[in-house]
């Protein structure tokens, strides 16, 4: 099932796991979930208030404005 998720975080979250610093993905694009692989760099020039989606090749597309009920977290 496809889903469209609006994310506002563009950078990973640092956490300590077994005494080692790890970076958790918050953009949703990492191919190494839940860990960051640097894919968030694709999102850095997104415009606020716009909704984008990324295909499996990492190419960004702007979604239509027909998603008024989408939630941000």
C-alpha atoms as a PDB file:
ATOM      1  CA  UNK A   1       0.000   0.000   0.000  1.00  0.00           C
ATOM      2  CA  UNK A   2       1.361   3.423  -0.931  1.00  0.00           C
ATOM      3  CA  UNK A   3       1.423   6.205   1.621  1.00  0.00           C
ATOM      4  CA  UNK A   4       2.185   9.883   1.511  1.00  0.00           C
ATOM      5  CA  UNK A   5       3.855  11.271   4.628  1.00  0.00           C
ATOM      6  CA  UNK A   6       4.763  14.882   5.311  1.00  0.00           C
ATOM      7  CA  UNK A   7       7.977  15.118   7.306  1.00  0.00           C
ATOM      8  CA  UNK A   8       9.402  18.305   8.722  1.00  0.00           C
ATOM      9  CA  UNK A   9      12.731  17.017  10.010  1.00  0.00           C
ATOM     10  CA  UNK A  10      15.585  17.311   7.536  1.00  0.00           C
ATOM     11  CA  UNK A  11      18.380  16.011   9.695  1.00  0.00           C
ATOM     12  CA  UNK A  12      19.023  12.816  11.684  1.00  0.00           C
ATOM     13  CA  UNK A  13      18.721  12.412  15.444  1.00  0.00           C
ATOM     14  CA  UNK A  14      21.825  11.427  17.414  1.00  0.00           C
ATOM     15  CA  UNK A  15      21.314   8.640  19.970  1.00  0.00           C
ATOM     16  CA  UNK A  16      23.628   6.473  22.062  1.00  0.00           C
ATOM     17  CA  UNK A  17      23.266   2.715  21.494  1.00  0.00           C
ATOM     18  CA  UNK A  18      25.522   0.422  23.524  1.00  0.00           C
ATOM     19  CA  UNK A  19      27.814   3.368  24.259  1.00  0.00           C
ATOM     20  CA  UNK A  20      28.199   4.201  20.556  1.00  0.00           C
ATOM     21  CA  UNK A  21      26.757   7.277  18.863  1.00  0.00           C
ATOM     22  CA  UNK A  22      24.288   6.356  16.118  1.00  0.00           C
ATOM     23  CA  UNK A  23      22.237   8.577  13.828  1.00  0.00           C
ATOM     24  CA  UNK A  24      18.558   7.793  13.303  1.00  0.00           C
ATOM     25  CA  UNK A  25      16.778   8.822  10.108  1.00  0.00           C
ATOM     26  CA  UNK A  26      14.004  11.391  10.487  1.00  0.00           C
ATOM     27  CA  UNK A  27      13.469  12.316   6.828  1.00  0.00           C
ATOM     28  CA  UNK A  28      12.144   8.876   5.837  1.00  0.00           C
ATOM     29  CA  UNK A  29      14.412   8.485   2.805  1.00  0.00           C
ATOM     30  CA  UNK A  30      17.235   6.345   4.211  1.00  0.00           C
ATOM     31  CA  UNK A  31      17.751   2.975   2.555  1.00  0.00           C
ATOM     32  CA  UNK A  32      19.273   1.821   5.867  1.00  0.00           C
ATOM     33  CA  UNK A  33      16.275   2.422   8.177  1.00  0.00           C
ATOM     34  CA  UNK A  34      16.168   3.223  11.013  1.00  0.00           C
ATOM     35  CA  UNK A  35      19.703   4.578  10.576  1.00  0.00           C
ATOM     36  CA  UNK A  36      20.690   7.633   8.553  1.00  0.00           C
ATOM     37  CA  UNK A  37      22.492   7.123   5.236  1.00  0.00           C
ATOM     38  CA  UNK A  38      22.742  10.819   4.307  1.00  0.00           C
ATOM     39  CA  UNK A  39      19.662  10.831   2.060  1.00  0.00           C
ATOM     40  CA  UNK A  40      18.265  13.810   4.002  1.00  0.00           C
ATOM     41  CA  UNK A  41      20.605  16.011   1.967  1.00  0.00           C
ATOM     42  CA  UNK A  42      18.078  15.666  -0.870  1.00  0.00           C
ATOM     43  CA  UNK A  43      15.517  17.542   1.254  1.00  0.00           C
ATOM     44  CA  UNK A  44      17.579  20.578   2.270  1.00  0.00           C
ATOM     45  CA  UNK A  45      16.253  22.863  -0.480  1.00  0.00           C
ATOM     46  CA  UNK A  46      12.592  21.928  -0.082  1.00  0.00           C
ATOM     47  CA  UNK A  47      10.330  24.957   0.174  1.00  0.00           C
ATOM     48  CA  UNK A  48       8.275  25.304   3.375  1.00  0.00           C
ATOM     49  CA  UNK A  49       4.565  24.700   2.868  1.00  0.00           C
ATOM     50  CA  UNK A  50       5.063  22.524  -0.211  1.00  0.00           C
ATOM     51  CA  UNK A  51       4.556  18.772  -0.293  1.00  0.00           C
ATOM     52  CA  UNK A  52       7.067  16.542  -2.068  1.00  0.00           C
ATOM     53  CA  UNK A  53       7.490  12.852  -2.711  1.00  0.00           C
ATOM     54  CA  UNK A  54      10.591  10.946  -3.740  1.00  0.00           C
ATOM     55  CA  UNK A  55      10.681   7.986  -6.096  1.00  0.00           C
ATOM     56  CA  UNK A  56      12.871   4.912  -5.613  1.00  0.00           C
ATOM     57  CA  UNK A  57      15.697   6.611  -7.536  1.00  0.00           C
ATOM     58  CA  UNK A  58      15.696   9.531  -5.074  1.00  0.00           C
ATOM     59  CA  UNK A  59      14.168  11.966  -7.562  1.00  0.00           C
ATOM     60  CA  UNK A  60      11.941  14.600  -5.975  1.00  0.00           C
ATOM     61  CA  UNK A  61       8.457  15.403  -7.254  1.00  0.00           C
ATOM     62  CA  UNK A  62       6.044  18.018  -5.997  1.00  0.00           C
ATOM     63  CA  UNK A  63       2.685  16.624  -4.921  1.00  0.00           C
ATOM     64  CA  UNK A  64      -0.526  18.273  -6.002  1.00  0.00           C
ATOM     65  CA  UNK A  65      -2.331  20.473  -3.499  1.00  0.00           C
ATOM     66  CA  UNK A  66      -5.119  17.917  -3.121  1.00  0.00           C
ATOM     67  CA  UNK A  67      -3.930  16.684   0.283  1.00  0.00           C
ATOM     68  CA  UNK A  68      -5.447  19.232   2.649  1.00  0.00           C
ATOM     69  CA  UNK A  69      -5.907  16.749   5.507  1.00  0.00           C
ATOM     70  CA  UNK A  70      -2.310  15.552   5.691  1.00  0.00           C
ATOM     71  CA  UNK A  71      -0.763  15.778   9.166  1.00  0.00           C
ATOM     72  CA  UNK A  72       2.697  17.006  10.086  1.00  0.00           C
ATOM     73  CA  UNK A  73       4.659  15.420  12.917  1.00  0.00           C
END
